[in-house]
């Protein structure tokens, strides 16, 4: 008979001490860990993971960017494009524009907190914050909130910017049908008004704007470690050729004198431009 007062032994002791920490297998030294860089949505530069701002353009990352930087599309947000073609990214919600704001404008005509651009879903509005010189949309002064549409010109006290949405600036215009459209006039050949000489290479300057710098997405690439990624701007029109330094790190020297950033300077025959260790000259068309 079985003694009912006797404790019955269990089948077997547990193989693992419950109070003991169990370690898994050590990681293999032969395993390669892939670390993906972060792509900036403004300048498209690649940055090490975990940083809070872009090394190229200084954009502060609000959160981790979605997608694979090498494969997936970059994050695109609406932006304000200034007179030099620089894009100022806008975040969802209110964005203060002014000399001290989310979008900073270094212009004496602009108040410290000049206006507020708000992104709410697919809608965008702008409202003046009691600035000294006012805010205009499409040349008309605003009172209260005004709706912004892609391509709208917004003047903050006289400093004009363009509201742009993702894909709008690079959108390819397509015909509405498969037919080839006839043209009414014979196309004319664009002739250069001058040429920019960089080393042994000549860049024709027709009427328009040309960005120059170290990055390959510039219209004119200047390969020099002392040249900024986006260094400056050259403009050619019916009145002449103009040079602007758009806030480069090491500056631009014209005829042995450093020019002021964002100051548009007209170039003359025989002018010499120095960018780092590079010497540039402008050759004008003979009249």
Protein backbone atom coordinates (compact mmCIF):
# COMPACT_ATOMS: atom_id res chain seq x y z
CA UNK A 1 0.00 0.00 0.00
CA UNK A 2 0.97 3.53 -0.60
CA UNK A 3 1.56 5.75 2.41
CA UNK A 4 -0.79 8.70 1.93
CA UNK A 5 1.32 10.88 4.24
CA UNK A 6 4.46 10.44 2.17
CA UNK A 7 5.50 13.02 -0.33
CA UNK A 8 5.76 11.49 -3.76
CA UNK A 9 9.04 12.37 -5.49
CA UNK A 10 8.84 14.03 -8.88
CA UNK A 11 10.03 12.22 -11.95
CA UNK A 12 13.26 14.13 -12.36
CA UNK A 13 15.04 17.29 -11.33
CA UNK A 14 14.83 20.19 -13.75
CA UNK A 15 17.80 20.26 -16.06
CA UNK A 16 18.26 24.01 -15.72
CA UNK A 17 18.63 25.93 -12.48
CA UNK A 18 15.79 28.55 -12.59
CA UNK A 19 17.99 30.98 -10.63
CA UNK A 20 20.84 30.74 -13.09
CA UNK A 21 21.25 33.08 -16.03
CA UNK A 22 21.26 31.18 -19.30
CA UNK A 23 23.49 32.65 -22.00
CA UNK A 24 22.84 32.19 -25.70
CA UNK A 25 25.38 31.48 -28.33
CA UNK A 26 28.07 34.11 -28.81
CA UNK A 27 27.83 36.17 -31.98
CA UNK A 28 29.93 34.94 -34.85
CA UNK A 29 32.94 37.07 -35.69
CA UNK A 30 32.44 36.13 -39.32
CA UNK A 31 29.02 37.81 -39.55
CA UNK A 32 28.96 41.15 -41.37
CA UNK A 33 26.64 43.78 -39.88
CA UNK A 34 25.22 46.20 -42.46
CA UNK A 35 24.77 49.81 -41.32
CA UNK A 36 22.75 51.95 -43.70
CA UNK A 37 23.47 55.69 -43.95
CA UNK A 38 20.74 58.31 -43.69
CA UNK A 39 19.88 60.32 -46.81
CA UNK A 40 19.04 64.00 -46.36
CA UNK A 41 15.72 64.94 -48.05
CA UNK A 42 17.04 68.41 -48.97
CA UNK A 43 20.56 68.01 -50.43
CA UNK A 44 20.33 64.20 -50.94
CA UNK A 45 23.67 63.72 -49.16
CA UNK A 46 24.38 60.55 -47.16
CA UNK A 47 25.05 60.76 -43.40
CA UNK A 48 26.14 58.24 -40.74
CA UNK A 49 23.19 56.65 -38.88
CA UNK A 50 22.11 58.17 -35.57
CA UNK A 51 23.10 61.79 -36.23
CA UNK A 52 20.61 64.62 -35.64
CA UNK A 53 21.56 66.89 -38.56
CA UNK A 54 22.90 66.68 -42.12
CA UNK A 55 26.67 67.05 -42.46
CA UNK A 56 26.28 68.75 -45.87
CA UNK A 57 23.47 71.29 -45.52
CA UNK A 58 22.83 71.31 -41.74
CA UNK A 59 19.16 70.21 -41.91
CA UNK A 60 18.00 69.03 -38.47
CA UNK A 61 16.36 65.61 -38.72
CA UNK A 62 13.06 65.63 -36.82
CA UNK A 63 12.85 61.84 -36.90
CA UNK A 64 14.43 58.85 -38.60
CA UNK A 65 13.97 58.92 -42.35
CA UNK A 66 11.90 56.12 -43.82
CA UNK A 67 13.18 53.70 -46.41
CA UNK A 68 16.50 52.43 -47.62
CA UNK A 69 18.78 55.34 -48.49
CA UNK A 70 20.15 53.44 -51.48
CA UNK A 71 16.89 52.14 -52.88
CA UNK A 72 13.66 53.63 -51.54
CA UNK A 73 12.51 57.14 -52.52
CA UNK A 74 13.80 59.93 -50.29
CA UNK A 75 11.39 61.68 -47.94
CA UNK A 76 9.92 64.69 -49.74
CA UNK A 77 8.17 67.57 -47.99
CA UNK A 78 6.86 70.92 -49.22
CA UNK A 79 9.42 73.70 -49.09
CA UNK A 80 10.04 77.41 -49.64
CA UNK A 81 12.61 78.09 -52.38
CA UNK A 82 14.59 81.31 -51.95
CA UNK A 83 16.02 83.63 -54.60
CA UNK A 84 19.24 81.59 -54.82
CA UNK A 85 17.39 78.34 -55.47
CA UNK A 86 17.96 76.97 -51.97
CA UNK A 87 15.13 74.84 -50.59
CA UNK A 88 13.94 75.49 -47.02
CA UNK A 89 12.09 72.37 -45.87
CA UNK A 90 8.73 72.73 -44.10
CA UNK A 91 7.52 70.31 -41.43
CA UNK A 92 3.93 69.29 -40.68
CA UNK A 93 2.24 71.90 -38.46
CA UNK A 94 3.24 75.53 -37.99
CA UNK A 95 6.58 76.84 -39.34
CA UNK A 96 7.71 80.33 -38.29
CA UNK A 97 9.41 82.33 -41.04
CA UNK A 98 11.66 85.27 -40.08
CA UNK A 99 15.10 86.34 -38.95
CA UNK A 100 14.60 84.04 -35.95
CA UNK A 101 12.38 81.15 -36.96
CA UNK A 102 12.13 77.64 -38.36
CA UNK A 103 12.84 79.13 -41.80
CA UNK A 104 15.56 81.74 -41.27
CA UNK A 105 15.85 84.72 -43.63
CA UNK A 106 18.84 87.02 -43.14
CA UNK A 107 17.28 90.19 -44.53
CA UNK A 108 16.72 93.47 -42.68
CA UNK A 109 13.28 93.88 -44.29
CA UNK A 110 12.11 90.69 -42.58
CA UNK A 111 10.89 90.75 -38.96
CA UNK A 112 12.24 88.34 -36.35
CA UNK A 113 8.93 86.42 -36.33
CA UNK A 114 7.51 87.57 -39.62
CA UNK A 115 4.94 84.99 -40.70
CA UNK A 116 3.77 81.44 -40.10
CA UNK A 117 3.36 78.75 -42.76
CA UNK A 118 1.19 75.85 -41.62
CA UNK A 119 1.04 72.41 -43.23
CA UNK A 120 -2.13 70.47 -42.41
CA UNK A 121 -2.36 67.31 -44.49
CA UNK A 122 -2.45 68.37 -48.13
CA UNK A 123 -3.35 71.99 -47.29
CA UNK A 124 -0.87 74.84 -46.74
CA UNK A 125 -1.58 78.33 -45.42
CA UNK A 126 0.45 81.43 -44.58
CA UNK A 127 -0.38 84.06 -41.97
CA UNK A 128 1.41 87.32 -41.14
CA UNK A 129 2.46 87.58 -37.48
CA UNK A 130 2.23 91.37 -37.25
CA UNK A 131 5.44 92.03 -39.19
CA UNK A 132 6.71 95.52 -39.94
CA UNK A 133 6.68 95.25 -43.74
CA UNK A 134 3.87 92.75 -44.23
CA UNK A 135 3.41 89.54 -46.23
CA UNK A 136 2.13 89.16 -49.79
CA UNK A 137 1.00 86.16 -51.84
CA UNK A 138 1.09 86.64 -55.59
CA UNK A 139 1.79 90.34 -55.09
CA UNK A 140 -1.32 90.88 -52.93
CA UNK A 141 -1.08 91.77 -49.20
CA UNK A 142 -2.74 89.19 -46.95
CA UNK A 143 -4.87 89.62 -43.85
CA UNK A 144 -5.48 86.50 -41.81
CA UNK A 145 -4.65 83.10 -43.28
CA UNK A 146 -4.08 82.76 -47.03
CA UNK A 147 -4.01 79.45 -48.90
CA UNK A 148 -0.77 78.49 -50.65
CA UNK A 149 -0.71 76.62 -53.95
CA UNK A 150 2.34 75.13 -55.69
CA UNK A 151 4.28 77.85 -57.49
CA UNK A 152 2.85 80.74 -55.44
CA UNK A 153 5.27 83.63 -54.88
CA UNK A 154 5.34 84.72 -51.23
CA UNK A 155 6.93 88.04 -50.29
CA UNK A 156 8.10 88.41 -46.69
CA UNK A 157 8.65 92.16 -46.36
CA UNK A 158 10.03 92.26 -49.91
CA UNK A 159 12.10 89.06 -49.74
CA UNK A 160 10.43 86.74 -52.25
CA UNK A 161 10.23 82.95 -51.97
CA UNK A 162 8.35 80.29 -53.94
CA UNK A 163 6.14 77.65 -52.35
CA UNK A 164 6.96 74.26 -53.87
CA UNK A 165 5.56 70.76 -53.35
CA UNK A 166 7.36 67.40 -53.92
CA UNK A 167 7.98 66.66 -57.58
CA UNK A 168 6.74 70.07 -58.76
CA UNK A 169 10.11 71.51 -59.70
CA UNK A 170 11.31 68.37 -61.48
CA UNK A 171 8.01 67.38 -63.09
CA UNK A 172 8.21 66.59 -66.79
CA UNK A 173 5.48 68.13 -68.91
CA UNK A 174 3.68 65.56 -71.07
CA UNK A 175 1.33 66.00 -73.97
CA UNK A 176 -2.29 65.00 -73.47
CA UNK A 177 -2.29 62.64 -76.46
CA UNK A 178 0.08 60.41 -78.37
CA UNK A 179 0.24 62.82 -81.31
CA UNK A 180 3.25 64.92 -82.12
CA UNK A 181 2.34 68.56 -81.67
CA UNK A 182 3.20 70.89 -84.53
CA UNK A 183 5.15 74.06 -83.79
CA UNK A 184 4.22 77.43 -85.21
CA UNK A 185 7.70 78.89 -85.45
CA UNK A 186 11.14 77.53 -86.20
CA UNK A 187 13.10 77.01 -82.96
CA UNK A 188 16.00 79.35 -82.47
CA UNK A 189 19.49 78.34 -81.36
CA UNK A 190 20.46 79.60 -77.91
CA UNK A 191 23.80 81.38 -78.16
CA UNK A 192 26.10 81.89 -75.23
CA UNK A 193 26.77 85.45 -74.07
CA UNK A 194 29.97 84.36 -72.31
CA UNK A 195 31.99 81.32 -71.25
CA UNK A 196 33.26 80.34 -67.79
CA UNK A 197 36.80 78.93 -67.94
CA UNK A 198 37.60 76.33 -65.25
CA UNK A 199 41.06 74.82 -65.79
CA UNK A 200 41.01 73.67 -69.43
CA UNK A 201 37.23 73.35 -69.63
CA UNK A 202 34.82 75.97 -70.98
CA UNK A 203 31.19 76.23 -69.81
CA UNK A 204 28.91 78.24 -72.13
CA UNK A 205 26.76 80.79 -70.28
CA UNK A 206 23.43 81.43 -71.96
CA UNK A 207 20.66 83.50 -70.38
CA UNK A 208 19.84 81.79 -67.08
CA UNK A 209 21.15 80.71 -63.67
CA UNK A 210 24.04 78.30 -63.07
CA UNK A 211 24.95 76.81 -59.69
CA UNK A 212 28.58 75.94 -59.07
CA UNK A 213 30.36 73.99 -56.35
CA UNK A 214 32.02 70.69 -55.46
CA UNK A 215 28.89 68.51 -55.62
CA UNK A 216 28.13 66.70 -58.87
CA UNK A 217 24.53 67.97 -59.00
CA UNK A 218 25.72 71.54 -59.72
CA UNK A 219 25.50 72.98 -63.22
CA UNK A 220 29.24 73.68 -63.03
CA UNK A 221 31.34 71.27 -60.93
CA UNK A 222 34.55 72.66 -59.37
CA UNK A 223 36.60 69.80 -57.93
CA UNK A 224 38.53 71.29 -55.03
CA UNK A 225 38.41 70.33 -51.31
CA UNK A 226 38.22 74.03 -50.33
CA UNK A 227 35.11 74.58 -52.48
CA UNK A 228 31.73 74.07 -50.79
CA UNK A 229 29.21 71.55 -52.05
CA UNK A 230 26.88 74.39 -53.06
CA UNK A 231 29.30 77.29 -53.38
CA UNK A 232 27.68 79.98 -55.48
CA UNK A 233 25.59 81.11 -58.41
CA UNK A 234 26.34 82.65 -61.81
CA UNK A 235 23.58 84.47 -63.68
CA UNK A 236 23.64 85.65 -67.29
CA UNK A 237 21.08 87.99 -68.84
CA UNK A 238 20.84 90.83 -71.30
CA UNK A 239 22.66 93.22 -68.95
CA UNK A 240 25.72 91.04 -68.23
CA UNK A 241 27.07 88.18 -66.12
CA UNK A 242 26.71 88.22 -62.33
CA UNK A 243 28.42 86.28 -59.52
CA UNK A 244 26.92 85.47 -56.10
CA UNK A 245 28.51 83.54 -53.22
CA UNK A 246 25.58 81.69 -51.59
CA UNK A 247 27.19 81.34 -48.16
CA UNK A 248 30.19 79.08 -48.87
CA UNK A 249 32.54 78.03 -46.07
CA UNK A 250 35.79 79.47 -47.46
CA UNK A 251 34.31 82.30 -49.52
CA UNK A 252 34.88 83.58 -53.05
CA UNK A 253 37.68 85.95 -54.04
CA UNK A 254 37.19 88.34 -56.96
CA UNK A 255 40.34 90.21 -58.07
CA UNK A 256 42.07 89.55 -54.70
CA UNK A 257 39.07 90.82 -52.68
CA UNK A 258 36.67 88.50 -50.88
CA UNK A 259 33.07 89.23 -51.88
CA UNK A 260 30.23 89.39 -49.36
CA UNK A 261 27.95 86.36 -49.18
CA UNK A 262 24.63 86.71 -51.05
CA UNK A 263 25.84 89.92 -52.73
CA UNK A 264 25.19 89.90 -56.51
CA UNK A 265 28.28 91.28 -58.26
CA UNK A 266 28.55 92.03 -61.98
CA UNK A 267 31.61 90.53 -63.68
CA UNK A 268 33.79 92.55 -66.02
CA UNK A 269 36.22 91.53 -68.74
CA UNK A 270 39.55 90.23 -67.32
CA UNK A 271 38.06 89.60 -63.84
CA UNK A 272 39.73 86.72 -61.97
CA UNK A 273 37.71 84.50 -59.60
CA UNK A 274 39.46 82.29 -57.04
CA UNK A 275 37.71 79.36 -55.31
CA UNK A 276 40.13 77.59 -52.98
CA UNK A 277 43.06 76.68 -55.21
CA UNK A 278 41.05 77.04 -58.43
CA UNK A 279 41.20 80.09 -60.71
CA UNK A 280 38.17 80.90 -62.87
CA UNK A 281 37.78 83.47 -65.63
CA UNK A 282 34.87 84.68 -67.74
CA UNK A 283 35.37 85.06 -71.48
CA UNK A 284 32.80 87.41 -73.01
CA UNK A 285 31.53 87.24 -76.57
CA UNK A 286 33.26 89.72 -78.83
CA UNK A 287 30.84 92.51 -79.80
